[in-house]
PDB file of all heavy atoms in Angstrom:
ATOM      1  N   GLY A   1     -50.730  15.008 177.824  1.00  0.00           N
ATOM      2  CA  GLY A   1     -52.021  15.006 177.130  1.00  0.00           C
ATOM      3  C   GLY A   1     -52.257  13.718 176.363  1.00  0.00           C
ATOM      4  O   GLY A   1     -53.381  13.207 176.314  1.00  0.00           O
ATOM      5  N   ILE A   2     -51.191  13.185 175.765  1.00  0.00           N
ATOM      6  CA  ILE A   2     -51.317  11.898 175.057  1.00  0.00           C
ATOM      7  C   ILE A   2     -51.690  10.794 176.054  1.00  0.00           C
ATOM      8  O   ILE A   2     -52.587   9.991 175.791  1.00  0.00           O
ATOM      9  CB  ILE A   2     -50.002  11.532 174.321  1.00  0.00           C
ATOM     10  CG1 ILE A   2     -49.724  12.512 173.187  1.00  0.00           C
ATOM     11  CG2 ILE A   2     -50.073  10.111 173.784  1.00  0.00           C
ATOM     12  CD1 ILE A   2     -48.349  12.362 172.567  1.00  0.00           C
ATOM     13  N   ILE A   3     -51.004  10.784 177.188  1.00  0.00           N
ATOM     14  CA  ILE A   3     -51.265   9.748 178.198  1.00  0.00           C
ATOM     15  C   ILE A   3     -52.724   9.796 178.643  1.00  0.00           C
ATOM     16  O   ILE A   3     -53.437   8.790 178.607  1.00  0.00           O
ATOM     17  CB  ILE A   3     -50.334   9.928 179.417  1.00  0.00           C
ATOM     18  CG1 ILE A   3     -48.883   9.683 179.028  1.00  0.00           C
ATOM     19  CG2 ILE A   3     -50.755   8.996 180.563  1.00  0.00           C
ATOM     20  CD1 ILE A   3     -47.880  10.115 180.078  1.00  0.00           C
ATOM     21  N   TRP A   4     -53.167  10.965 179.066  1.00  0.00           N
ATOM     22  CA  TRP A   4     -54.513  11.070 179.641  1.00  0.00           C
ATOM     23  C   TRP A   4     -55.599  11.063 178.581  1.00  0.00           C
ATOM     24  O   TRP A   4     -56.716  10.610 178.835  1.00  0.00           O
ATOM     25  CB  TRP A   4     -54.603  12.281 180.556  1.00  0.00           C
ATOM     26  CG  TRP A   4     -53.669  12.080 181.706  1.00  0.00           C
ATOM     27  CD1 TRP A   4     -52.486  12.715 181.926  1.00  0.00           C
ATOM     28  CD2 TRP A   4     -53.790  11.110 182.754  1.00  0.00           C
ATOM     29  NE1 TRP A   4     -51.872  12.217 183.050  1.00  0.00           N
ATOM     30  CE2 TRP A   4     -52.657  11.222 183.579  1.00  0.00           C
ATOM     31  CE3 TRP A   4     -54.751  10.156 183.076  1.00  0.00           C
ATOM     32  CZ2 TRP A   4     -52.460  10.426 184.698  1.00  0.00           C
ATOM     33  CZ3 TRP A   4     -54.553   9.370 184.198  1.00  0.00           C
ATOM     34  CH2 TRP A   4     -53.418   9.507 184.994  1.00  0.00           C
ATOM     35  N   GLY A   5     -55.294  11.522 177.379  1.00  0.00           N
ATOM     36  CA  GLY A   5     -56.259  11.419 176.275  1.00  0.00           C
ATOM     37  C   GLY A   5     -56.486   9.975 175.867  1.00  0.00           C
ATOM     38  O   GLY A   5     -57.616   9.549 175.611  1.00  0.00           O
ATOM     39  N   THR A   6     -55.398   9.221 175.832  1.00  0.00           N
ATOM     40  CA  THR A   6     -55.513   7.794 175.514  1.00  0.00           C
ATOM     41  C   THR A   6     -56.268   7.059 176.620  1.00  0.00           C
ATOM     42  O   THR A   6     -57.117   6.205 176.336  1.00  0.00           O
ATOM     43  CB  THR A   6     -54.113   7.176 175.318  1.00  0.00           C
ATOM     44  OG1 THR A   6     -53.423   7.913 174.303  1.00  0.00           O
ATOM     45  CG2 THR A   6     -54.194   5.723 174.922  1.00  0.00           C
ATOM     46  N   PHE A   7     -55.972   7.401 177.858  1.00  0.00           N
ATOM     47  CA  PHE A   7     -56.690   6.817 178.990  1.00  0.00           C
ATOM     48  C   PHE A   7     -58.190   7.067 178.856  1.00  0.00           C
ATOM     49  O   PHE A   7     -59.003   6.149 178.987  1.00  0.00           O
ATOM     50  CB  PHE A   7     -56.156   7.412 180.307  1.00  0.00           C
ATOM     51  CG  PHE A   7     -56.936   7.011 181.522  1.00  0.00           C
ATOM     52  CD1 PHE A   7     -56.808   5.749 182.072  1.00  0.00           C
ATOM     53  CD2 PHE A   7     -57.796   7.915 182.134  1.00  0.00           C
ATOM     54  CE1 PHE A   7     -57.513   5.381 183.212  1.00  0.00           C
ATOM     55  CE2 PHE A   7     -58.512   7.559 183.263  1.00  0.00           C
ATOM     56  CZ  PHE A   7     -58.371   6.294 183.803  1.00  0.00           C
ATOM     57  N   THR A   8     -58.541   8.311 178.557  1.00  0.00           N
ATOM     58  CA  THR A   8     -59.955   8.668 178.385  1.00  0.00           C
ATOM     59  C   THR A   8     -60.586   7.876 177.250  1.00  0.00           C
ATOM     60  O   THR A   8     -61.698   7.350 177.386  1.00  0.00           O
ATOM     61  CB  THR A   8     -60.098  10.179 178.118  1.00  0.00           C
ATOM     62  OG1 THR A   8     -59.488  10.890 179.195  1.00  0.00           O
ATOM     63  CG2 THR A   8     -61.545  10.592 177.982  1.00  0.00           C
ATOM     64  N   ALA A   9     -59.892   7.777 176.119  1.00  0.00           N
ATOM     65  CA  ALA A   9     -60.432   7.049 174.963  1.00  0.00           C
ATOM     66  C   ALA A   9     -60.651   5.572 175.298  1.00  0.00           C
ATOM     67  O   ALA A   9     -61.670   4.987 174.908  1.00  0.00           O
ATOM     68  CB  ALA A   9     -59.492   7.192 173.771  1.00  0.00           C
ATOM     69  N   ILE A  10     -59.724   4.967 176.016  1.00  0.00           N
ATOM     70  CA  ILE A  10     -59.867   3.548 176.376  1.00  0.00           C
ATOM     71  C   ILE A  10     -61.035   3.350 177.331  1.00  0.00           C
ATOM     72  O   ILE A  10     -61.853   2.452 177.147  1.00  0.00           O
ATOM     73  CB  ILE A  10     -58.551   3.004 176.988  1.00  0.00           C
ATOM     74  CG1 ILE A  10     -57.469   2.934 175.915  1.00  0.00           C
ATOM     75  CG2 ILE A  10     -58.768   1.632 177.623  1.00  0.00           C
ATOM     76  CD1 ILE A  10     -56.081   2.640 176.447  1.00  0.00           C
ATOM     77  N   ILE A  11     -61.127   4.211 178.332  1.00  0.00           N
ATOM     78  CA  ILE A  11     -62.195   4.085 179.332  1.00  0.00           C
ATOM     79  C   ILE A  11     -63.573   4.251 178.688  1.00  0.00           C
ATOM     80  O   ILE A  11     -64.515   3.533 179.015  1.00  0.00           O
ATOM     81  CB  ILE A  11     -61.998   5.138 180.452  1.00  0.00           C
ATOM     82  CG1 ILE A  11     -60.742   4.821 181.248  1.00  0.00           C
ATOM     83  CG2 ILE A  11     -63.200   5.209 181.366  1.00  0.00           C
ATOM     84  CD1 ILE A  11     -60.743   3.477 181.916  1.00  0.00           C
ATOM     85  N   VAL A  12     -63.672   5.210 177.772  1.00  0.00           N
ATOM     86  CA  VAL A  12     -64.970   5.479 177.143  1.00  0.00           C
ATOM     87  C   VAL A  12     -65.321   4.394 176.113  1.00  0.00           C
ATOM     88  O   VAL A  12     -66.482   4.042 175.947  1.00  0.00           O
ATOM     89  CB  VAL A  12     -64.963   6.877 176.495  1.00  0.00           C
ATOM     90  CG1 VAL A  12     -66.199   7.118 175.675  1.00  0.00           C
ATOM     91  CG2 VAL A  12     -64.823   7.948 177.564  1.00  0.00           C
ATOM     92  N   THR A  13     -64.326   3.859 175.435  1.00  0.00           N
ATOM     93  CA  THR A  13     -64.574   2.873 174.389  1.00  0.00           C
ATOM     94  C   THR A  13     -64.910   1.503 174.948  1.00  0.00           C
ATOM     95  O   THR A  13     -65.849   0.854 174.503  1.00  0.00           O
ATOM     96  CB  THR A  13     -63.341   2.753 173.462  1.00  0.00           C
ATOM     97  OG1 THR A  13     -63.024   4.041 172.951  1.00  0.00           O
ATOM     98  CG2 THR A  13     -63.618   1.815 172.315  1.00  0.00           C
ATOM     99  N   PHE A  14     -64.110   1.079 175.906  1.00  0.00           N
ATOM    100  CA  PHE A  14     -64.286  -0.256 176.461  1.00  0.00           C
ATOM    101  C   PHE A  14     -64.764  -0.153 177.907  1.00  0.00           C
ATOM    102  O   PHE A  14     -64.130   0.526 178.703  1.00  0.00           O
ATOM    103  CB  PHE A  14     -62.963  -1.036 176.436  1.00  0.00           C
ATOM    104  CG  PHE A  14     -62.334  -1.081 175.085  1.00  0.00           C
ATOM    105  CD1 PHE A  14     -61.212  -0.316 174.812  1.00  0.00           C
ATOM    106  CD2 PHE A  14     -62.867  -1.872 174.082  1.00  0.00           C
ATOM    107  CE1 PHE A  14     -60.618  -0.354 173.570  1.00  0.00           C
ATOM    108  CE2 PHE A  14     -62.279  -1.913 172.832  1.00  0.00           C
ATOM    109  CZ  PHE A  14     -61.155  -1.148 172.567  1.00  0.00           C
ATOM    110  N   PRO A  15     -65.827  -0.822 178.229  1.00  0.00           N
ATOM    111  CA  PRO A  15     -66.269  -0.793 179.627  1.00  0.00           C
ATOM    112  C   PRO A  15     -65.312  -1.621 180.493  1.00  0.00           C
ATOM    113  O   PRO A  15     -65.491  -2.808 180.693  1.00  0.00           O
ATOM    114  CB  PRO A  15     -67.668  -1.410 179.575  1.00  0.00           C
ATOM    115  CG  PRO A  15     -67.701  -2.194 178.313  1.00  0.00           C
ATOM    116  CD  PRO A  15     -66.714  -1.581 177.374  1.00  0.00           C
ATOM    117  N   VAL A  16     -64.263  -0.956 180.926  1.00  0.00           N
ATOM    118  CA  VAL A  16     -63.227  -1.631 181.695  1.00  0.00           C
ATOM    119  C   VAL A  16     -63.683  -1.750 183.142  1.00  0.00           C
ATOM    120  O   VAL A  16     -63.913  -0.751 183.819  1.00  0.00           O
ATOM    121  CB  VAL A  16     -61.890  -0.856 181.624  1.00  0.00           C
ATOM    122  CG1 VAL A  16     -60.815  -1.571 182.411  1.00  0.00           C
ATOM    123  CG2 VAL A  16     -61.471  -0.661 180.189  1.00  0.00           C
ATOM    124  N   ALA A  17     -63.810  -2.970 183.617  1.00  0.00           N
ATOM    125  CA  ALA A  17     -64.259  -3.196 184.985  1.00  0.00           C
ATOM    126  C   ALA A  17     -63.166  -2.827 185.986  1.00  0.00           C
ATOM    127  O   ALA A  17     -63.446  -2.372 187.076  1.00  0.00           O
ATOM    128  CB  ALA A  17     -64.676  -4.649 185.165  1.00  0.00           C
ATOM    129  N   LYS A  18     -61.927  -3.017 185.586  1.00  0.00           N
ATOM    130  CA  LYS A  18     -60.818  -2.756 186.497  1.00  0.00           C
ATOM    131  C   LYS A  18     -60.070  -1.500 186.065  1.00  0.00           C
ATOM    132  O   LYS A  18     -58.897  -1.541 185.712  1.00  0.00           O
ATOM    133  CB  LYS A  18     -59.912  -3.971 186.552  1.00  0.00           C
ATOM    134  CG  LYS A  18     -60.670  -5.198 187.034  1.00  0.00           C
ATOM    135  CD  LYS A  18     -59.787  -6.372 187.218  1.00  0.00           C
ATOM    136  CE  LYS A  18     -60.649  -7.526 187.720  1.00  0.00           C
ATOM    137  NZ  LYS A  18     -59.928  -8.717 187.960  1.00  0.00           N
ATOM    138  N   VAL A  19     -60.775  -0.386 186.129  1.00  0.00           N
ATOM    139  CA  VAL A  19     -60.227   0.905 185.717  1.00  0.00           C
ATOM    140  C   VAL A  19     -59.043   1.293 186.597  1.00  0.00           C
ATOM    141  O   VAL A  19     -58.108   1.949 186.138  1.00  0.00           O
ATOM    142  CB  VAL A  19     -61.324   1.992 185.785  1.00  0.00           C
ATOM    143  CG1 VAL A  19     -60.760   3.361 185.495  1.00  0.00           C
ATOM    144  CG2 VAL A  19     -62.441   1.667 184.830  1.00  0.00           C
ATOM    145  N   ALA A  20     -59.062   0.877 187.837  1.00  0.00           N
ATOM    146  CA  ALA A  20     -57.999   1.254 188.765  1.00  0.00           C
ATOM    147  C   ALA A  20     -56.636   0.800 188.269  1.00  0.00           C
ATOM    148  O   ALA A  20     -55.646   1.524 188.418  1.00  0.00           O
ATOM    149  CB  ALA A  20     -58.281   0.673 190.139  1.00  0.00           C
ATOM    150  N   TYR A  21     -56.566  -0.378 187.646  1.00  0.00           N
ATOM    151  CA  TYR A  21     -55.280  -0.866 187.142  1.00  0.00           C
ATOM    152  C   TYR A  21     -54.763   0.014 186.002  1.00  0.00           C
ATOM    153  O   TYR A  21     -53.570   0.313 185.939  1.00  0.00           O
ATOM    154  CB  TYR A  21     -55.386  -2.317 186.682  1.00  0.00           C
ATOM    155  CG  TYR A  21     -55.730  -3.271 187.800  1.00  0.00           C
ATOM    156  CD1 TYR A  21     -56.867  -4.051 187.740  1.00  0.00           C
ATOM    157  CD2 TYR A  21     -54.910  -3.374 188.912  1.00  0.00           C
ATOM    158  CE1 TYR A  21     -57.189  -4.928 188.763  1.00  0.00           C
ATOM    159  CE2 TYR A  21     -55.222  -4.242 189.947  1.00  0.00           C
ATOM    160  CZ  TYR A  21     -56.367  -5.012 189.871  1.00  0.00           C
ATOM    161  OH  TYR A  21     -56.669  -5.858 190.886  1.00  0.00           O
ATOM    162  N   LEU A  22     -55.655   0.381 185.131  1.00  0.00           N
ATOM    163  CA  LEU A  22     -55.261   1.262 184.024  1.00  0.00           C
ATOM    164  C   LEU A  22     -54.866   2.636 184.550  1.00  0.00           C
ATOM    165  O   LEU A  22     -53.900   3.237 184.078  1.00  0.00           O
ATOM    166  CB  LEU A  22     -56.402   1.373 183.007  1.00  0.00           C
ATOM    167  CG  LEU A  22     -56.114   2.166 181.747  1.00  0.00           C
ATOM    168  CD1 LEU A  22     -54.922   1.583 180.991  1.00  0.00           C
ATOM    169  CD2 LEU A  22     -57.333   2.184 180.850  1.00  0.00           C
ATOM    170  N   LEU A  23     -55.580   3.133 185.532  1.00  0.00           N
ATOM    171  CA  LEU A  23     -55.260   4.429 186.137  1.00  0.00           C
ATOM    172  C   LEU A  23     -53.885   4.391 186.797  1.00  0.00           C
ATOM    173  O   LEU A  23     -53.087   5.319 186.641  1.00  0.00           O
ATOM    174  CB  LEU A  23     -56.330   4.810 187.160  1.00  0.00           C
ATOM    175  CG  LEU A  23     -56.119   6.137 187.885  1.00  0.00           C
ATOM    176  CD1 LEU A  23     -56.115   7.288 186.890  1.00  0.00           C
ATOM    177  CD2 LEU A  23     -57.183   6.340 188.936  1.00  0.00           C
ATOM    178  N   ILE A  24     -53.588   3.303 187.477  1.00  0.00           N
ATOM    179  CA  ILE A  24     -52.275   3.162 188.119  1.00  0.00           C
ATOM    180  C   ILE A  24     -51.174   3.154 187.059  1.00  0.00           C
ATOM    181  O   ILE A  24     -50.134   3.798 187.218  1.00  0.00           O
ATOM    182  CB  ILE A  24     -52.221   1.892 188.994  1.00  0.00           C
ATOM    183  CG1 ILE A  24     -53.115   2.075 190.228  1.00  0.00           C
ATOM    184  CG2 ILE A  24     -50.792   1.565 189.406  1.00  0.00           C
ATOM    185  CD1 ILE A  24     -53.349   0.808 191.020  1.00  0.00           C
ATOM    186  N   ALA A  25     -51.403   2.434 185.960  1.00  0.00           N
ATOM    187  CA  ALA A  25     -50.409   2.400 184.877  1.00  0.00           C
ATOM    188  C   ALA A  25     -50.184   3.798 184.306  1.00  0.00           C
ATOM    189  O   ALA A  25     -49.038   4.197 184.065  1.00  0.00           O
ATOM    190  CB  ALA A  25     -50.861   1.439 183.784  1.00  0.00           C
ATOM    191  N   CYS A  26     -51.260   4.548 184.110  1.00  0.00           N
ATOM    192  CA  CYS A  26     -51.132   5.916 183.582  1.00  0.00           C
ATOM    193  C   CYS A  26     -50.404   6.826 184.566  1.00  0.00           C
ATOM    194  O   CYS A  26     -49.587   7.653 184.165  1.00  0.00           O
ATOM    195  CB  CYS A  26     -52.509   6.488 183.252  1.00  0.00           C
ATOM    196  SG  CYS A  26     -53.231   5.773 181.776  1.00  0.00           S
ATOM    197  N   LEU A  27     -50.686   6.679 185.851  1.00  0.00           N
ATOM    198  CA  LEU A  27     -49.998   7.490 186.864  1.00  0.00           C
ATOM    199  C   LEU A  27     -48.501   7.173 186.902  1.00  0.00           C
ATOM    200  O   LEU A  27     -47.671   8.083 187.015  1.00  0.00           O
ATOM    201  CB  LEU A  27     -50.626   7.259 188.240  1.00  0.00           C
ATOM    202  CG  LEU A  27     -52.010   7.878 188.445  1.00  0.00           C
ATOM    203  CD1 LEU A  27     -52.624   7.388 189.749  1.00  0.00           C
ATOM    204  CD2 LEU A  27     -51.934   9.393 188.415  1.00  0.00           C
ATOM    205  N   ILE A  28     -48.156   5.900 186.778  1.00  0.00           N
ATOM    206  CA  ILE A  28     -46.742   5.515 186.750  1.00  0.00           C
ATOM    207  C   ILE A  28     -46.068   6.090 185.505  1.00  0.00           C
ATOM    208  O   ILE A  28     -44.964   6.644 185.576  1.00  0.00           O
ATOM    209  CB  ILE A  28     -46.586   3.984 186.805  1.00  0.00           C
ATOM    210  CG1 ILE A  28     -47.019   3.468 188.175  1.00  0.00           C
ATOM    211  CG2 ILE A  28     -45.159   3.552 186.481  1.00  0.00           C
ATOM    212  CD1 ILE A  28     -47.158   1.956 188.260  1.00  0.00           C
ATOM    213  N   PHE A  29     -46.743   5.957 184.368  1.00  0.00           N
ATOM    214  CA  PHE A  29     -46.186   6.500 183.128  1.00  0.00           C
ATOM    215  C   PHE A  29     -46.021   8.012 183.236  1.00  0.00           C
ATOM    216  O   PHE A  29     -45.009   8.568 182.819  1.00  0.00           O
ATOM    217  CB  PHE A  29     -47.081   6.111 181.952  1.00  0.00           C
ATOM    218  CG  PHE A  29     -46.461   6.363 180.612  1.00  0.00           C
ATOM    219  CD1 PHE A  29     -45.126   6.110 180.368  1.00  0.00           C
ATOM    220  CD2 PHE A  29     -47.236   6.861 179.576  1.00  0.00           C
ATOM    221  CE1 PHE A  29     -44.564   6.338 179.125  1.00  0.00           C
ATOM    222  CE2 PHE A  29     -46.680   7.106 178.333  1.00  0.00           C
ATOM    223  CZ  PHE A  29     -45.348   6.843 178.104  1.00  0.00           C
ATOM    224  N   GLN A  30     -47.000   8.693 183.820  1.00  0.00           N
ATOM    225  CA  GLN A  30     -46.922  10.143 184.000  1.00  0.00           C
ATOM    226  C   GLN A  30     -45.732  10.505 184.887  1.00  0.00           C
ATOM    227  O   GLN A  30     -44.994  11.443 184.597  1.00  0.00           O
ATOM    228  CB  GLN A  30     -48.217  10.673 184.613  1.00  0.00           C
ATOM    229  CG  GLN A  30     -48.209  12.173 184.853  1.00  0.00           C
ATOM    230  CD  GLN A  30     -48.182  12.958 183.564  1.00  0.00           C
ATOM    231  OE1 GLN A  30     -49.113  12.895 182.792  1.00  0.00           O
ATOM    232  NE2 GLN A  30     -47.120  13.699 183.328  1.00  0.00           N
ATOM    233  N   ALA A  31     -45.536   9.749 185.969  1.00  0.00           N
ATOM    234  CA  ALA A  31     -44.403  10.007 186.858  1.00  0.00           C
ATOM    235  C   ALA A  31     -43.079   9.818 186.120  1.00  0.00           C
ATOM    236  O   ALA A  31     -42.141  10.609 186.290  1.00  0.00           O
ATOM    237  CB  ALA A  31     -44.470   9.089 188.075  1.00  0.00           C
ATOM    238  N   LEU A  32     -42.996   8.794 185.271  1.00  0.00           N
ATOM    239  CA  LEU A  32     -41.779   8.565 184.486  1.00  0.00           C
ATOM    240  C   LEU A  32     -41.514   9.710 183.512  1.00  0.00           C
ATOM    241  O   LEU A  32     -40.365  10.126 183.319  1.00  0.00           O
ATOM    242  CB  LEU A  32     -41.874   7.240 183.737  1.00  0.00           C
ATOM    243  CG  LEU A  32     -41.808   5.979 184.600  1.00  0.00           C
ATOM    244  CD1 LEU A  32     -42.088   4.736 183.766  1.00  0.00           C
ATOM    245  CD2 LEU A  32     -40.462   5.878 185.303  1.00  0.00           C
ATOM    246  N   VAL A  33     -42.573  10.219 182.902  1.00  0.00           N
ATOM    247  CA  VAL A  33     -42.426  11.356 181.978  1.00  0.00           C
ATOM    248  C   VAL A  33     -41.894  12.574 182.729  1.00  0.00           C
ATOM    249  O   VAL A  33     -40.972  13.262 182.263  1.00  0.00           O
ATOM    250  CB  VAL A  33     -43.769  11.675 181.281  1.00  0.00           C
ATOM    251  CG1 VAL A  33     -43.728  13.015 180.583  1.00  0.00           C
ATOM    252  CG2 VAL A  33     -44.116  10.580 180.291  1.00  0.00           C
ATOM    253  N   ILE A  34     -42.455  12.849 183.892  1.00  0.00           N
ATOM    254  CA  ILE A  34     -41.994  13.993 184.686  1.00  0.00           C
ATOM    255  C   ILE A  34     -40.531  13.821 185.072  1.00  0.00           C
ATOM    256  O   ILE A  34     -39.727  14.753 184.931  1.00  0.00           O
ATOM    257  CB  ILE A  34     -42.885  14.169 185.934  1.00  0.00           C
ATOM    258  CG1 ILE A  34     -44.283  14.639 185.521  1.00  0.00           C
ATOM    259  CG2 ILE A  34     -42.260  15.170 186.914  1.00  0.00           C
ATOM    260  CD1 ILE A  34     -45.312  14.596 186.619  1.00  0.00           C
ATOM    261  N   LEU A  35     -40.159  12.632 185.523  1.00  0.00           N
ATOM    262  CA  LEU A  35     -38.761  12.380 185.896  1.00  0.00           C
ATOM    263  C   LEU A  35     -37.826  12.510 184.693  1.00  0.00           C
ATOM    264  O   LEU A  35     -36.725  13.043 184.802  1.00  0.00           O
ATOM    265  CB  LEU A  35     -38.624  10.996 186.525  1.00  0.00           C
ATOM    266  CG  LEU A  35     -39.217  10.846 187.923  1.00  0.00           C
ATOM    267  CD1 LEU A  35     -39.188   9.387 188.364  1.00  0.00           C
ATOM    268  CD2 LEU A  35     -38.463  11.715 188.918  1.00  0.00           C
ATOM    269  N   TRP A  36     -38.264  12.000 183.550  1.00  0.00           N
ATOM    270  CA  TRP A  36     -37.446  12.077 182.330  1.00  0.00           C
ATOM    271  C   TRP A  36     -37.175  13.530 181.943  1.00  0.00           C
ATOM    272  O   TRP A  36     -36.033  13.910 181.705  1.00  0.00           O
ATOM    273  CB  TRP A  36     -38.139  11.336 181.201  1.00  0.00           C
ATOM    274  CG  TRP A  36     -37.440  11.474 179.883  1.00  0.00           C
ATOM    275  CD1 TRP A  36     -37.780  12.286 178.844  1.00  0.00           C
ATOM    276  CD2 TRP A  36     -36.259  10.789 179.472  1.00  0.00           C
ATOM    277  NE1 TRP A  36     -36.892  12.149 177.815  1.00  0.00           N
ATOM    278  CE2 TRP A  36     -35.937  11.232 178.182  1.00  0.00           C
ATOM    279  CE3 TRP A  36     -35.443   9.847 180.079  1.00  0.00           C
ATOM    280  CZ2 TRP A  36     -34.842  10.764 177.487  1.00  0.00           C
ATOM    281  CZ3 TRP A  36     -34.346   9.383 179.366  1.00  0.00           C
ATOM    282  CH2 TRP A  36     -34.059   9.843 178.094  1.00  0.00           C
ATOM    283  N   PHE A  37     -38.223  14.349 181.923  1.00  0.00           N
ATOM    284  CA  PHE A  37     -38.038  15.744 181.536  1.00  0.00           C
ATOM    285  C   PHE A  37     -37.259  16.522 182.594  1.00  0.00           C
ATOM    286  O   PHE A  37     -36.477  17.417 182.260  1.00  0.00           O
ATOM    287  CB  PHE A  37     -39.379  16.411 181.226  1.00  0.00           C
ATOM    288  CG  PHE A  37     -39.856  16.090 179.848  1.00  0.00           C
ATOM    289  CD1 PHE A  37     -40.832  15.126 179.632  1.00  0.00           C
ATOM    290  CD2 PHE A  37     -39.328  16.730 178.744  1.00  0.00           C
ATOM    291  CE1 PHE A  37     -41.255  14.809 178.367  1.00  0.00           C
ATOM    292  CE2 PHE A  37     -39.748  16.418 177.464  1.00  0.00           C
ATOM    293  CZ  PHE A  37     -40.714  15.465 177.270  1.00  0.00           C
ATOM    294  N   TYR A  38     -37.422  16.174 183.849  1.00  0.00           N
ATOM    295  CA  TYR A  38     -36.640  16.819 184.898  1.00  0.00           C
ATOM    296  C   TYR A  38     -35.163  16.475 184.733  1.00  0.00           C
ATOM    297  O   TYR A  38     -34.299  17.340 184.889  1.00  0.00           O
ATOM    298  CB  TYR A  38     -37.143  16.398 186.279  1.00  0.00           C
ATOM    299  CG  TYR A  38     -36.377  17.052 187.394  1.00  0.00           C
ATOM    300  CD1 TYR A  38     -36.544  18.408 187.674  1.00  0.00           C
ATOM    301  CD2 TYR A  38     -35.481  16.325 188.171  1.00  0.00           C
ATOM    302  CE1 TYR A  38     -35.832  19.013 188.688  1.00  0.00           C
ATOM    303  CE2 TYR A  38     -34.767  16.921 189.189  1.00  0.00           C
ATOM    304  CZ  TYR A  38     -34.944  18.269 189.442  1.00  0.00           C
ATOM    305  OH  TYR A  38     -34.227  18.872 190.447  1.00  0.00           O
ATOM    306  N   MET A  39     -34.864  15.219 184.394  1.00  0.00           N
ATOM    307  CA  MET A  39     -33.478  14.808 184.179  1.00  0.00           C
ATOM    308  C   MET A  39     -32.866  15.571 183.004  1.00  0.00           C
ATOM    309  O   MET A  39     -31.742  16.057 183.086  1.00  0.00           O
ATOM    310  CB  MET A  39     -33.416  13.299 183.906  1.00  0.00           C
ATOM    311  CG  MET A  39     -32.014  12.779 183.713  1.00  0.00           C
ATOM    312  SD  MET A  39     -31.967  11.056 183.202  1.00  0.00           S
ATOM    313  CE  MET A  39     -32.583  11.184 181.530  1.00  0.00           C
TER     314      MET A  39
END
């Protein structure tokens, strides 16, 4: 929720032209969180 809430806040606050890069970073971070908790 922190990851995606922050993503939402950044997207809404700043008109980011390259949203895909930020989305990819969030997806990678989300995958790391899942792997960490699984470990």
